Amino acid sequence: MIEEGMLLPRLSTLEEYAEWLQRQGFKIIETQDISRESSKTWDICLDLIASPSLWRLAITHGKDFLHFLRAFQSMRAGFSSKTFIFGIIVAEKVRNLEGEGQDKQSGGYQKMSAKL
């Protein structure tokens, strides 16, 4: 329900995302579960969707909007049961730039960072 309602592709675990980054040549610097800090968002959202006028508006905008609003409850339930988490991955990739206009000062390497 979360993926469909929030219009997301298939979700994976934090570990699966970290493994994918490692397979792409990234070094994992840090992973962090920030669920506790972000779970209150869904309490607020549930209060917001209690408004009948919001549901009347949603009905006029089609099934995607209705699914989106219904997914708020699924998000809250996922956080409460710890079956859904928000996570941060900090990763770093070093790329060899030889043959691509090598930078003499950096020795041919470029440091790149990605935060997901």
PDB file of N, CA and C in Angstrom:
ATOM      1  N   MET A   1       0.827  -1.203   0.000  1.00  0.00           N
ATOM      2  CA  MET A   1       0.000   0.000   0.000  1.00  0.00           C
ATOM      3  C   MET A   1       0.870   1.266   0.000  1.00  0.00           C
ATOM      4  N   ILE A   2       2.001   1.236   0.704  1.00  0.00           N
ATOM      5  CA  ILE A   2       2.860   2.418   0.768  1.00  0.00           C
ATOM      6  C   ILE A   2       3.394   2.774  -0.615  1.00  0.00           C
ATOM      7  N   GLU A   3       3.914   1.785  -1.321  1.00  0.00           N
ATOM      8  CA  GLU A   3       4.511   2.057  -2.638  1.00  0.00           C
ATOM      9  C   GLU A   3       3.480   2.605  -3.608  1.00  0.00           C
ATOM     10  N   GLU A   4       2.327   1.971  -3.670  1.00  0.00           N
ATOM     11  CA  GLU A   4       1.289   2.426  -4.591  1.00  0.00           C
ATOM     12  C   GLU A   4       0.758   3.799  -4.182  1.00  0.00           C
ATOM     13  N   GLY A   5       0.449   3.951  -2.899  1.00  0.00           N
ATOM     14  CA  GLY A   5      -0.135   5.195  -2.414  1.00  0.00           C
ATOM     15  C   GLY A   5       0.803   6.385  -2.512  1.00  0.00           C
ATOM     16  N   MET A   6       2.074   6.153  -2.241  1.00  0.00           N
ATOM     17  CA  MET A   6       3.047   7.240  -2.289  1.00  0.00           C
ATOM     18  C   MET A   6       3.686   7.381  -3.674  1.00  0.00           C
ATOM     19  N   LEU A   7       3.158   6.623  -4.643  1.00  0.00           N
ATOM     20  CA  LEU A   7       3.605   6.680  -6.042  1.00  0.00           C
ATOM     21  C   LEU A   7       5.107   6.396  -6.161  1.00  0.00           C
ATOM     22  N   LEU A   8       5.547   5.345  -5.472  1.00  0.00           N
ATOM     23  CA  LEU A   8       6.956   4.974  -5.444  1.00  0.00           C
ATOM     24  C   LEU A   8       7.207   3.677  -6.210  1.00  0.00           C
ATOM     25  N   PRO A   9       8.429   3.500  -6.682  1.00  0.00           N
ATOM     26  CA  PRO A   9       8.794   2.196  -7.231  1.00  0.00           C
ATOM     27  C   PRO A   9       8.940   1.216  -6.065  1.00  0.00           C
ATOM     28  N   ARG A  10       9.222  -0.024  -6.353  1.00  0.00           N
ATOM     29  CA  ARG A  10       9.442  -1.031  -5.318  1.00  0.00           C
ATOM     30  C   ARG A  10      10.512  -0.530  -4.347  1.00  0.00           C
ATOM     31  N   LEU A  11      10.205  -0.599  -3.067  1.00  0.00           N
ATOM     32  CA  LEU A  11      11.156  -0.166  -2.051  1.00  0.00           C
ATOM     33  C   LEU A  11      12.013  -1.341  -1.600  1.00  0.00           C
ATOM     34  N   SER A  12      13.228  -1.048  -1.225  1.00  0.00           N
ATOM     35  CA  SER A  12      14.151  -2.054  -0.730  1.00  0.00           C
ATOM     36  C   SER A  12      14.535  -1.708   0.702  1.00  0.00           C
ATOM     37  N   THR A  13      15.329  -2.583   1.312  1.00  0.00           N
ATOM     38  CA  THR A  13      15.807  -2.310   2.661  1.00  0.00           C
ATOM     39  C   THR A  13      17.011  -1.383   2.596  1.00  0.00           C
ATOM     40  N   LEU A  14      17.348  -0.790   3.710  1.00  0.00           N
ATOM     41  CA  LEU A  14      18.530   0.062   3.796  1.00  0.00           C
ATOM     42  C   LEU A  14      19.771  -0.736   3.412  1.00  0.00           C
ATOM     43  N   GLU A  15      19.822  -1.978   3.856  1.00  0.00           N
ATOM     44  CA  GLU A  15      20.963  -2.838   3.530  1.00  0.00           C
ATOM     45  C   GLU A  15      21.051  -3.102   2.030  1.00  0.00           C
ATOM     46  N   GLU A  16      19.907  -3.325   1.391  1.00  0.00           N
ATOM     47  CA  GLU A  16      19.904  -3.563  -0.060  1.00  0.00           C
ATOM     48  C   GLU A  16      20.382  -2.332  -0.823  1.00  0.00           C
ATOM     49  N   TYR A  17      19.961  -1.150  -0.396  1.00  0.00           N
ATOM     50  CA  TYR A  17      20.433   0.067  -1.056  1.00  0.00           C
ATOM     51  C   TYR A  17      21.942   0.228  -0.871  1.00  0.00           C
ATOM     52  N   ALA A  18      22.439  -0.065   0.338  1.00  0.00           N
ATOM     53  CA  ALA A  18      23.879   0.028   0.597  1.00  0.00           C
ATOM     54  C   ALA A  18      24.645  -0.968  -0.271  1.00  0.00           C
ATOM     55  N   GLU A  19      24.140  -2.196  -0.405  1.00  0.00           N
ATOM     56  CA  GLU A  19      24.783  -3.202  -1.257  1.00  0.00           C
ATOM     57  C   GLU A  19      24.811  -2.743  -2.712  1.00  0.00           C
ATOM     58  N   TRP A  20      23.714  -2.151  -3.181  1.00  0.00           N
ATOM     59  CA  TRP A  20      23.654  -1.661  -4.558  1.00  0.00           C
ATOM     60  C   TRP A  20      24.730  -0.593  -4.777  1.00  0.00           C
ATOM     61  N   LEU A  21      24.854   0.333  -3.836  1.00  0.00           N
ATOM     62  CA  LEU A  21      25.879   1.374  -3.958  1.00  0.00           C
ATOM     63  C   LEU A  21      27.282   0.769  -3.971  1.00  0.00           C
ATOM     64  N   GLN A  22      27.519  -0.214  -3.122  1.00  0.00           N
ATOM     65  CA  GLN A  22      28.834  -0.858  -3.094  1.00  0.00           C
ATOM     66  C   GLN A  22      29.133  -1.552  -4.421  1.00  0.00           C
ATOM     67  N   ARG A  23      28.135  -2.197  -4.999  1.00  0.00           N
ATOM     68  CA  ARG A  23      28.339  -2.842  -6.311  1.00  0.00           C
ATOM     69  C   ARG A  23      28.655  -1.819  -7.403  1.00  0.00           C
ATOM     70  N   GLN A  24      28.215  -0.575  -7.210  1.00  0.00           N
ATOM     71  CA  GLN A  24      28.489   0.489  -8.173  1.00  0.00           C
ATOM     72  C   GLN A  24      29.812   1.193  -7.887  1.00  0.00           C
ATOM     73  N   GLY A  25      30.559   0.692  -6.903  1.00  0.00           N
ATOM     74  CA  GLY A  25      31.872   1.231  -6.617  1.00  0.00           C
ATOM     75  C   GLY A  25      31.911   2.280  -5.519  1.00  0.00           C
ATOM     76  N   PHE A  26      30.829   2.444  -4.789  1.00  0.00           N
ATOM     77  CA  PHE A  26      30.806   3.410  -3.702  1.00  0.00           C
ATOM     78  C   PHE A  26      31.284   2.766  -2.408  1.00  0.00           C
ATOM     79  N   LYS A  27      31.925   3.546  -1.585  1.00  0.00           N
ATOM     80  CA  LYS A  27      32.325   3.127  -0.245  1.00  0.00           C
ATOM     81  C   LYS A  27      31.293   3.712   0.715  1.00  0.00           C
ATOM     82  N   ILE A  28      30.674   2.868   1.504  1.00  0.00           N
ATOM     83  CA  ILE A  28      29.677   3.337   2.458  1.00  0.00           C
ATOM     84  C   ILE A  28      30.400   3.992   3.635  1.00  0.00           C
ATOM     85  N   ILE A  29      30.103   5.241   3.866  1.00  0.00           N
ATOM     86  CA  ILE A  29      30.699   5.989   4.964  1.00  0.00           C
ATOM     87  C   ILE A  29      29.848   5.825   6.220  1.00  0.00           C
ATOM     88  N   GLU A  30      28.534   5.923   6.045  1.00  0.00           N
ATOM     89  CA  GLU A  30      27.639   5.828   7.201  1.00  0.00           C
ATOM     90  C   GLU A  30      26.239   5.467   6.734  1.00  0.00           C
ATOM     91  N   THR A  31      25.554   4.672   7.522  1.00  0.00           N
ATOM     92  CA  THR A  31      24.117   4.459   7.343  1.00  0.00           C
ATOM     93  C   THR A  31      23.460   4.822   8.667  1.00  0.00           C
ATOM     94  N   GLN A  32      22.273   5.368   8.567  1.00  0.00           N
ATOM     95  CA  GLN A  32      21.592   5.786   9.787  1.00  0.00           C
ATOM     96  C   GLN A  32      20.093   5.642   9.610  1.00  0.00           C
ATOM     97  N   ASP A  33      19.450   5.070  10.592  1.00  0.00           N
ATOM     98  CA  ASP A  33      17.998   4.958  10.630  1.00  0.00           C
ATOM     99  C   ASP A  33      17.472   6.222  11.314  1.00  0.00           C
ATOM    100  N   ILE A  34      16.724   7.033  10.572  1.00  0.00           N
ATOM    101  CA  ILE A  34      16.176   8.272  11.137  1.00  0.00           C
ATOM    102  C   ILE A  34      14.656   8.180  11.309  1.00  0.00           C
ATOM    103  N   SER A  35      14.160   6.972  11.445  1.00  0.00           N
ATOM    104  CA  SER A  35      12.718   6.755  11.580  1.00  0.00           C
ATOM    105  C   SER A  35      12.125   7.484  12.781  1.00  0.00           C
ATOM    106  N   ARG A  36      12.797   7.387  13.913  1.00  0.00           N
ATOM    107  CA  ARG A  36      12.265   8.007  15.133  1.00  0.00           C
ATOM    108  C   ARG A  36      12.104   9.513  14.944  1.00  0.00           C
ATOM    109  N   GLU A  37      13.076  10.122  14.272  1.00  0.00           N
ATOM    110  CA  GLU A  37      13.029  11.568  14.068  1.00  0.00           C
ATOM    111  C   GLU A  37      11.979  11.984  13.036  1.00  0.00           C
ATOM    112  N   SER A  38      11.609  11.092  12.143  1.00  0.00           N
ATOM    113  CA  SER A  38      10.673  11.464  11.074  1.00  0.00           C
ATOM    114  C   SER A  38       9.277  10.866  11.238  1.00  0.00           C
ATOM    115  N   SER A  39       9.098   9.935  12.158  1.00  0.00           N
ATOM    116  CA  SER A  39       7.802   9.255  12.263  1.00  0.00           C
ATOM    117  C   SER A  39       6.675  10.183  12.713  1.00  0.00           C
ATOM    118  N   LYS A  40       6.988  11.226  13.447  1.00  0.00           N
ATOM    119  CA  LYS A  40       5.955  12.175  13.895  1.00  0.00           C
ATOM    120  C   LYS A  40       5.263  12.858  12.715  1.00  0.00           C
ATOM    121  N   THR A  41       5.958  12.922  11.595  1.00  0.00           N
ATOM    122  CA  THR A  41       5.366  13.509  10.385  1.00  0.00           C
ATOM    123  C   THR A  41       4.034  12.854  10.068  1.00  0.00           C
ATOM    124  N   TRP A  42       3.980  11.536  10.236  1.00  0.00           N
ATOM    125  CA  TRP A  42       2.771  10.806   9.848  1.00  0.00           C
ATOM    126  C   TRP A  42       1.656  10.984  10.860  1.00  0.00           C
ATOM    127  N   ASP A  43       1.983  11.268  12.124  1.00  0.00           N
ATOM    128  CA  ASP A  43       0.948  11.633  13.095  1.00  0.00           C
ATOM    129  C   ASP A  43       0.297  12.939  12.658  1.00  0.00           C
ATOM    130  N   ILE A  44       1.115  13.893  12.256  1.00  0.00           N
ATOM    131  CA  ILE A  44       0.608  15.185  11.792  1.00  0.00           C
ATOM    132  C   ILE A  44      -0.249  14.994  10.538  1.00  0.00           C
ATOM    133  N   CYS A  45       0.238  14.167   9.621  1.00  0.00           N
ATOM    134  CA  CYS A  45      -0.514  13.917   8.383  1.00  0.00           C
ATOM    135  C   CYS A  45      -1.864  13.274   8.664  1.00  0.00           C
ATOM    136  N   LEU A  46      -1.903  12.344   9.619  1.00  0.00           N
ATOM    137  CA  LEU A  46      -3.185  11.712   9.967  1.00  0.00           C
ATOM    138  C   LEU A  46      -4.160  12.737  10.534  1.00  0.00           C
ATOM    139  N   ASP A  47      -3.658  13.689  11.314  1.00  0.00           N
ATOM    140  CA  ASP A  47      -4.518  14.762  11.807  1.00  0.00           C
ATOM    141  C   ASP A  47      -5.050  15.601  10.642  1.00  0.00           C
ATOM    142  N   LEU A  48      -4.195  15.878   9.670  1.00  0.00           N
ATOM    143  CA  LEU A  48      -4.603  16.690   8.517  1.00  0.00           C
ATOM    144  C   LEU A  48      -5.664  16.001   7.666  1.00  0.00           C
ATOM    145  N   ILE A  49      -5.521  14.695   7.481  1.00  0.00           N
ATOM    146  CA  ILE A  49      -6.479  14.015   6.600  1.00  0.00           C
ATOM    147  C   ILE A  49      -7.790  13.680   7.304  1.00  0.00           C
ATOM    148  N   ALA A  50      -7.931  14.071   8.567  1.00  0.00           N
ATOM    149  CA  ALA A  50      -9.202  13.881   9.270  1.00  0.00           C
ATOM    150  C   ALA A  50     -10.265  14.854   8.758  1.00  0.00           C
ATOM    151  N   SER A  51      -9.859  15.823   7.982  1.00  0.00           N
ATOM    152  CA  SER A  51     -10.765  16.849   7.475  1.00  0.00           C
ATOM    153  C   SER A  51     -11.651  16.296   6.350  1.00  0.00           C
ATOM    154  N   PRO A  52     -12.955  16.296   6.538  1.00  0.00           N
ATOM    155  CA  PRO A  52     -13.861  15.834   5.473  1.00  0.00           C
ATOM    156  C   PRO A  52     -13.709  16.626   4.173  1.00  0.00           C
ATOM    157  N   SER A  53     -13.371  17.912   4.280  1.00  0.00           N
ATOM    158  CA  SER A  53     -13.230  18.718   3.063  1.00  0.00           C
ATOM    159  C   SER A  53     -12.046  18.236   2.219  1.00  0.00           C
ATOM    160  N   LEU A  54     -11.010  17.732   2.858  1.00  0.00           N
ATOM    161  CA  LEU A  54      -9.875  17.192   2.104  1.00  0.00           C
ATOM    162  C   LEU A  54     -10.291  15.950   1.320  1.00  0.00           C
ATOM    163  N   TRP A  55     -11.104  15.097   1.929  1.00  0.00           N
ATOM    164  CA  TRP A  55     -11.571  13.887   1.239  1.00  0.00           C
ATOM    165  C   TRP A  55     -12.514  14.248   0.084  1.00  0.00           C
ATOM    166  N   ARG A  56     -13.338  15.278   0.271  1.00  0.00           N
ATOM    167  CA  ARG A  56     -14.204  15.726  -0.834  1.00  0.00           C
ATOM    168  C   ARG A  56     -13.347  16.214  -2.003  1.00  0.00           C
ATOM    169  N   LEU A  57     -12.291  16.940  -1.680  1.00  0.00           N
ATOM    170  CA  LEU A  57     -11.363  17.406  -2.716  1.00  0.00           C
ATOM    171  C   LEU A  57     -10.686  16.213  -3.394  1.00  0.00           C
ATOM    172  N   ALA A  58     -10.262  15.247  -2.610  1.00  0.00           N
ATOM    173  CA  ALA A  58      -9.571  14.075  -3.157  1.00  0.00           C
ATOM    174  C   ALA A  58     -10.463  13.313  -4.132  1.00  0.00           C
ATOM    175  N   ILE A  59     -11.714  13.177  -3.789  1.00  0.00           N
ATOM    176  CA  ILE A  59     -12.654  12.455  -4.667  1.00  0.00           C
ATOM    177  C   ILE A  59     -12.725  13.115  -6.038  1.00  0.00           C
ATOM    178  N   THR A  60     -12.655  14.438  -6.081  1.00  0.00           N
ATOM    179  CA  THR A  60     -12.746  15.145  -7.362  1.00  0.00           C
ATOM    180  C   THR A  60     -11.450  15.052  -8.177  1.00  0.00           C
ATOM    181  N   HIS A  61     -10.363  14.576  -7.561  1.00  0.00           N
ATOM    182  CA  HIS A  61      -9.069  14.508  -8.245  1.00  0.00           C
ATOM    183  C   HIS A  61      -8.623  13.086  -8.579  1.00  0.00           C
ATOM    184  N   GLY A  62      -9.494  12.125  -8.399  1.00  0.00           N
ATOM    185  CA  GLY A  62      -9.206  10.784  -8.873  1.00  0.00           C
ATOM    186  C   GLY A  62      -8.590   9.844  -7.853  1.00  0.00           C
ATOM    187  N   LYS A  63      -8.413   8.611  -8.316  1.00  0.00           N
ATOM    188  CA  LYS A  63      -7.999   7.526  -7.421  1.00  0.00           C
ATOM    189  C   LYS A  63      -6.571   7.681  -6.899  1.00  0.00           C
ATOM    190  N   ASP A  64      -5.664   8.286  -7.664  1.00  0.00           N
ATOM    191  CA  ASP A  64      -4.289   8.447  -7.173  1.00  0.00           C
ATOM    192  C   ASP A  64      -4.239   9.314  -5.919  1.00  0.00           C
ATOM    193  N   PHE A  65      -5.045  10.366  -5.904  1.00  0.00           N
ATOM    194  CA  PHE A  65      -5.089  11.238  -4.732  1.00  0.00           C
ATOM    195  C   PHE A  65      -5.687  10.481  -3.536  1.00  0.00           C
ATOM    196  N   LEU A  66      -6.730   9.716  -3.777  1.00  0.00           N
ATOM    197  CA  LEU A  66      -7.342   8.915  -2.709  1.00  0.00           C
ATOM    198  C   LEU A  66      -6.347   7.889  -2.158  1.00  0.00           C
ATOM    199  N   HIS A  67      -5.651   7.195  -3.046  1.00  0.00           N
ATOM    200  CA  HIS A  67      -4.638   6.214  -2.612  1.00  0.00           C
ATOM    201  C   HIS A  67      -3.536   6.897  -1.802  1.00  0.00           C
ATOM    202  N   PHE A  68      -3.149   8.091  -2.234  1.00  0.00           N
ATOM    203  CA  PHE A  68      -2.117   8.840  -1.532  1.00  0.00           C
ATOM    204  C   PHE A  68      -2.547   9.131  -0.090  1.00  0.00           C
ATOM    205  N   LEU A  69      -3.759   9.638   0.085  1.00  0.00           N
ATOM    206  CA  LEU A  69      -4.239   9.955   1.428  1.00  0.00           C
ATOM    207  C   LEU A  69      -4.374   8.700   2.288  1.00  0.00           C
ATOM    208  N   ARG A  70      -4.852   7.618   1.696  1.00  0.00           N
ATOM    209  CA  ARG A  70      -4.990   6.360   2.446  1.00  0.00           C
ATOM    210  C   ARG A  70      -3.630   5.796   2.859  1.00  0.00           C
ATOM    211  N   ALA A  71      -2.620   6.093   2.095  1.00  0.00           N
ATOM    212  CA  ALA A  71      -1.284   5.580   2.393  1.00  0.00           C
ATOM    213  C   ALA A  71      -0.691   6.215   3.655  1.00  0.00           C
ATOM    214  N   PHE A  72      -1.220   7.338   4.087  1.00  0.00           N
ATOM    215  CA  PHE A  72      -0.721   7.954   5.315  1.00  0.00           C
ATOM    216  C   PHE A  72      -0.867   6.989   6.486  1.00  0.00           C
ATOM    217  N   GLN A  73      -2.004   6.311   6.557  1.00  0.00           N
ATOM    218  CA  GLN A  73      -2.224   5.340   7.639  1.00  0.00           C
ATOM    219  C   GLN A  73      -1.225   4.184   7.531  1.00  0.00           C
ATOM    220  N   SER A  74      -0.954   3.752   6.305  1.00  0.00           N
ATOM    221  CA  SER A  74       0.023   2.671   6.104  1.00  0.00           C
ATOM    222  C   SER A  74       1.423   3.110   6.530  1.00  0.00           C
ATOM    223  N   MET A  75       1.774   4.345   6.238  1.00  0.00           N
ATOM    224  CA  MET A  75       3.078   4.867   6.654  1.00  0.00           C
ATOM    225  C   MET A  75       3.176   4.864   8.177  1.00  0.00           C
ATOM    226  N   ARG A  76       2.142   5.357   8.838  1.00  0.00           N
ATOM    227  CA  ARG A  76       2.159   5.407  10.301  1.00  0.00           C
ATOM    228  C   ARG A  76       2.239   3.997  10.883  1.00  0.00           C
ATOM    229  N   ALA A  77       1.466   3.077  10.323  1.00  0.00           N
ATOM    230  CA  ALA A  77       1.483   1.694  10.814  1.00  0.00           C
ATOM    231  C   ALA A  77       2.859   1.059  10.598  1.00  0.00           C
ATOM    232  N   GLY A  78       3.476   1.340   9.465  1.00  0.00           N
ATOM    233  CA  GLY A  78       4.805   0.811   9.176  1.00  0.00           C
ATOM    234  C   GLY A  78       5.848   1.297  10.154  1.00  0.00           C
ATOM    235  N   PHE A  79       5.792   2.567  10.508  1.00  0.00           N
ATOM    236  CA  PHE A  79       6.718   3.110  11.503  1.00  0.00           C
ATOM    237  C   PHE A  79       6.449   2.510  12.879  1.00  0.00           C
ATOM    238  N   SER A  80       5.172   2.405  13.240  1.00  0.00           N
ATOM    239  CA  SER A  80       4.821   1.875  14.566  1.00  0.00           C
ATOM    240  C   SER A  80       5.290   0.439  14.745  1.00  0.00           C
ATOM    241  N   SER A  81       5.169  -0.361  13.693  1.00  0.00           N
ATOM    242  CA  SER A  81       5.553  -1.778  13.774  1.00  0.00           C
ATOM    243  C   SER A  81       7.029  -2.011  13.457  1.00  0.00           C
ATOM    244  N   LYS A  82       7.718  -0.937  13.056  1.00  0.00           N
ATOM    245  CA  LYS A  82       9.129  -0.992  12.672  1.00  0.00           C
ATOM    246  C   LYS A  82       9.371  -1.869  11.424  1.00  0.00           C
ATOM    247  N   THR A  83       8.322  -2.039  10.616  1.00  0.00           N
ATOM    248  CA  THR A  83       8.494  -2.741   9.339  1.00  0.00           C
ATOM    249  C   THR A  83       8.859  -1.770   8.226  1.00  0.00           C
ATOM    250  N   PHE A  84       8.788  -0.482   8.516  1.00  0.00           N
ATOM    251  CA  PHE A  84       9.158   0.550   7.556  1.00  0.00           C
ATOM    252  C   PHE A  84      10.074   1.526   8.269  1.00  0.00           C
ATOM    253  N   ILE A  85      11.181   1.870   7.623  1.00  0.00           N
ATOM    254  CA  ILE A  85      12.103   2.840   8.221  1.00  0.00           C
ATOM    255  C   ILE A  85      12.490   3.884   7.190  1.00  0.00           C
ATOM    256  N   PHE A  86      12.894   5.039   7.692  1.00  0.00           N
ATOM    257  CA  PHE A  86      13.559   6.044   6.873  1.00  0.00           C
ATOM    258  C   PHE A  86      15.036   5.927   7.192  1.00  0.00           C
ATOM    259  N   GLY A  87      15.848   5.853   6.169  1.00  0.00           N
ATOM    260  CA  GLY A  87      17.273   5.733   6.394  1.00  0.00           C
ATOM    261  C   GLY A  87      18.065   6.697   5.533  1.00  0.00           C
ATOM    262  N   ILE A  88      19.260   6.965   5.992  1.00  0.00           N
ATOM    263  CA  ILE A  88      20.201   7.806   5.251  1.00  0.00           C
ATOM    264  C   ILE A  88      21.438   6.964   4.983  1.00  0.00           C
ATOM    265  N   ILE A  89      21.945   7.076   3.771  1.00  0.00           N
ATOM    266  CA  ILE A  89      23.209   6.442   3.416  1.00  0.00           C
ATOM    267  C   ILE A  89      24.142   7.536   2.916  1.00  0.00           C
ATOM    268  N   VAL A  90      25.305   7.614   3.505  1.00  0.00           N
ATOM    269  CA  VAL A  90      26.344   8.516   3.026  1.00  0.00           C
ATOM    270  C   VAL A  90      27.405   7.629   2.397  1.00  0.00           C
ATOM    271  N   ALA A  91      27.695   7.881   1.121  1.00  0.00           N
ATOM    272  CA  ALA A  91      28.642   7.048   0.386  1.00  0.00           C
ATOM    273  C   ALA A  91      29.588   7.929  -0.407  1.00  0.00           C
ATOM    274  N   GLU A  92      30.720   7.346  -0.744  1.00  0.00           N
ATOM    275  CA  GLU A  92      31.749   8.088  -1.467  1.00  0.00           C
ATOM    276  C   GLU A  92      32.282   7.198  -2.588  1.00  0.00           C
ATOM    277  N   LYS A  93      32.534   7.806  -3.717  1.00  0.00           N
ATOM    278  CA  LYS A  93      33.093   7.065  -4.844  1.00  0.00           C
ATOM    279  C   LYS A  93      34.315   7.800  -5.379  1.00  0.00           C
ATOM    280  N   VAL A  94      35.365   7.043  -5.643  1.00  0.00           N
ATOM    281  CA  VAL A  94      36.571   7.598  -6.247  1.00  0.00           C
ATOM    282  C   VAL A  94      36.637   7.028  -7.650  1.00  0.00           C
ATOM    283  N   ARG A  95      36.705   7.914  -8.629  1.00  0.00           N
ATOM    284  CA  ARG A  95      36.747   7.497 -10.032  1.00  0.00           C
ATOM    285  C   ARG A  95      38.093   7.821 -10.636  1.00  0.00           C
ATOM    286  N   ASN A  96      38.666   6.875 -11.355  1.00  0.00           N
ATOM    287  CA  ASN A  96      39.895   7.109 -12.094  1.00  0.00           C
ATOM    288  C   ASN A  96      39.526   7.822 -13.385  1.00  0.00           C
ATOM    289  N   LEU A  97      40.133   8.978 -13.618  1.00  0.00           N
ATOM    290  CA  LEU A  97      39.805   9.769 -14.806  1.00  0.00           C
ATOM    291  C   LEU A  97      40.864   9.649 -15.893  1.00  0.00           C
ATOM    292  N   GLU A  98      41.772   8.660 -15.787  1.00  0.00           N
ATOM    293  CA  GLU A  98      42.810   8.497 -16.804  1.00  0.00           C
ATOM    294  C   GLU A  98      42.178   8.375 -18.177  1.00  0.00           C
ATOM    295  N   GLY A  99      42.742   9.061 -19.119  1.00  0.00           N
ATOM    296  CA  GLY A  99      42.217   9.003 -20.483  1.00  0.00           C
ATOM    297  C   GLY A  99      41.032   9.924 -20.695  1.00  0.00           C
ATOM    298  N   GLU A 100      40.597  10.591 -19.659  1.00  0.00           N
ATOM    299  CA  GLU A 100      39.464  11.506 -19.786  1.00  0.00           C
ATOM    300  C   GLU A 100      39.882  12.909 -19.385  1.00  0.00           C
ATOM    301  N   GLY A 101      41.041  13.345 -19.824  1.00  0.00           N
ATOM    302  CA  GLY A 101      41.514  14.677 -19.457  1.00  0.00           C
ATOM    303  C   GLY A 101      41.984  14.699 -18.019  1.00  0.00           C
ATOM    304  N   GLN A 102      42.932  13.846 -17.709  1.00  0.00           N
ATOM    305  CA  GLN A 102      43.427  13.668 -16.349  1.00  0.00           C
ATOM    306  C   GLN A 102      43.833  14.991 -15.711  1.00  0.00           C
ATOM    307  N   ASP A 103      43.396  15.184 -14.506  1.00  0.00           N
ATOM    308  CA  ASP A 103      43.745  16.366 -13.715  1.00  0.00           C
ATOM    309  C   ASP A 103      45.081  16.094 -13.041  1.00  0.00           C
ATOM    310  N   LYS A 104      46.119  16.822 -13.438  1.00  0.00           N
ATOM    311  CA  LYS A 104      47.479  16.588 -12.935  1.00  0.00           C
ATOM    312  C   LYS A 104      47.575  16.802 -11.420  1.00  0.00           C
ATOM    313  N   GLN A 105      46.826  17.773 -10.890  1.00  0.00           N
ATOM    314  CA  GLN A 105      46.922  18.076  -9.468  1.00  0.00           C
ATOM    315  C   GLN A 105      46.314  16.981  -8.605  1.00  0.00           C
ATOM    316  N   SER A 106      45.270  16.322  -9.071  1.00  0.00           N
ATOM    317  CA  SER A 106      44.615  15.301  -8.254  1.00  0.00           C
ATOM    318  C   SER A 106      45.168  13.912  -8.540  1.00  0.00           C
ATOM    319  N   GLY A 107      46.130  13.800  -9.444  1.00  0.00           N
ATOM    320  CA  GLY A 107      46.695  12.489  -9.752  1.00  0.00           C
ATOM    321  C   GLY A 107      45.784  11.619 -10.590  1.00  0.00           C
ATOM    322  N   GLY A 108      44.806  12.216 -11.224  1.00  0.00           N
ATOM    323  CA  GLY A 108      43.924  11.451 -12.103  1.00  0.00           C
ATOM    324  C   GLY A 108      42.697  10.913 -11.411  1.00  0.00           C
ATOM    325  N   TYR A 109      42.449  11.287 -10.175  1.00  0.00           N
ATOM    326  CA  TYR A 109      41.285  10.778  -9.458  1.00  0.00           C
ATOM    327  C   TYR A 109      40.381  11.939  -9.054  1.00  0.00           C
ATOM    328  N   GLN A 110      39.116  11.652  -9.074  1.00  0.00           N
ATOM    329  CA  GLN A 110      38.128  12.639  -8.687  1.00  0.00           C
ATOM    330  C   GLN A 110      37.320  12.058  -7.542  1.00  0.00           C
ATOM    331  N   LYS A 111      37.188  12.771  -6.461  1.00  0.00           N
ATOM    332  CA  LYS A 111      36.410  12.310  -5.326  1.00  0.00           C
ATOM    333  C   LYS A 111      34.977  12.779  -5.506  1.00  0.00           C
ATOM    334  N   MET A 112      34.043  11.859  -5.377  1.00  0.00           N
ATOM    335  CA  MET A 112      32.637  12.170  -5.528  1.00  0.00           C
ATOM    336  C   MET A 112      31.893  11.677  -4.281  1.00  0.00           C
ATOM    337  N   SER A 113      30.850  12.378  -3.857  1.00  0.00           N
ATOM    338  CA  SER A 113      30.038  11.950  -2.734  1.00  0.00           C
ATOM    339  C   SER A 113      28.588  11.924  -3.156  1.00  0.00           C
ATOM    340  N   ALA A 114      27.840  11.000  -2.587  1.00  0.00           N
ATOM    341  CA  ALA A 114      26.406  10.919  -2.854  1.00  0.00           C
ATOM    342  C   ALA A 114      25.686  10.670  -1.541  1.00  0.00           C
ATOM    343  N   LYS A 115      24.594  11.355  -1.319  1.00  0.00           N
ATOM    344  CA  LYS A 115      23.760  11.135  -0.152  1.00  0.00           C
ATOM    345  C   LYS A 115      22.386  10.703  -0.646  1.00  0.00           C
ATOM    346  N   LEU A 116      21.905   9.581  -0.162  1.00  0.00           N
ATOM    347  CA  LEU A 116      20.594   9.061  -0.540  1.00  0.00           C
ATOM    348  C   LEU A 116      19.686   9.020   0.659  1.00  0.00           C
TER     349      LEU A 116
END
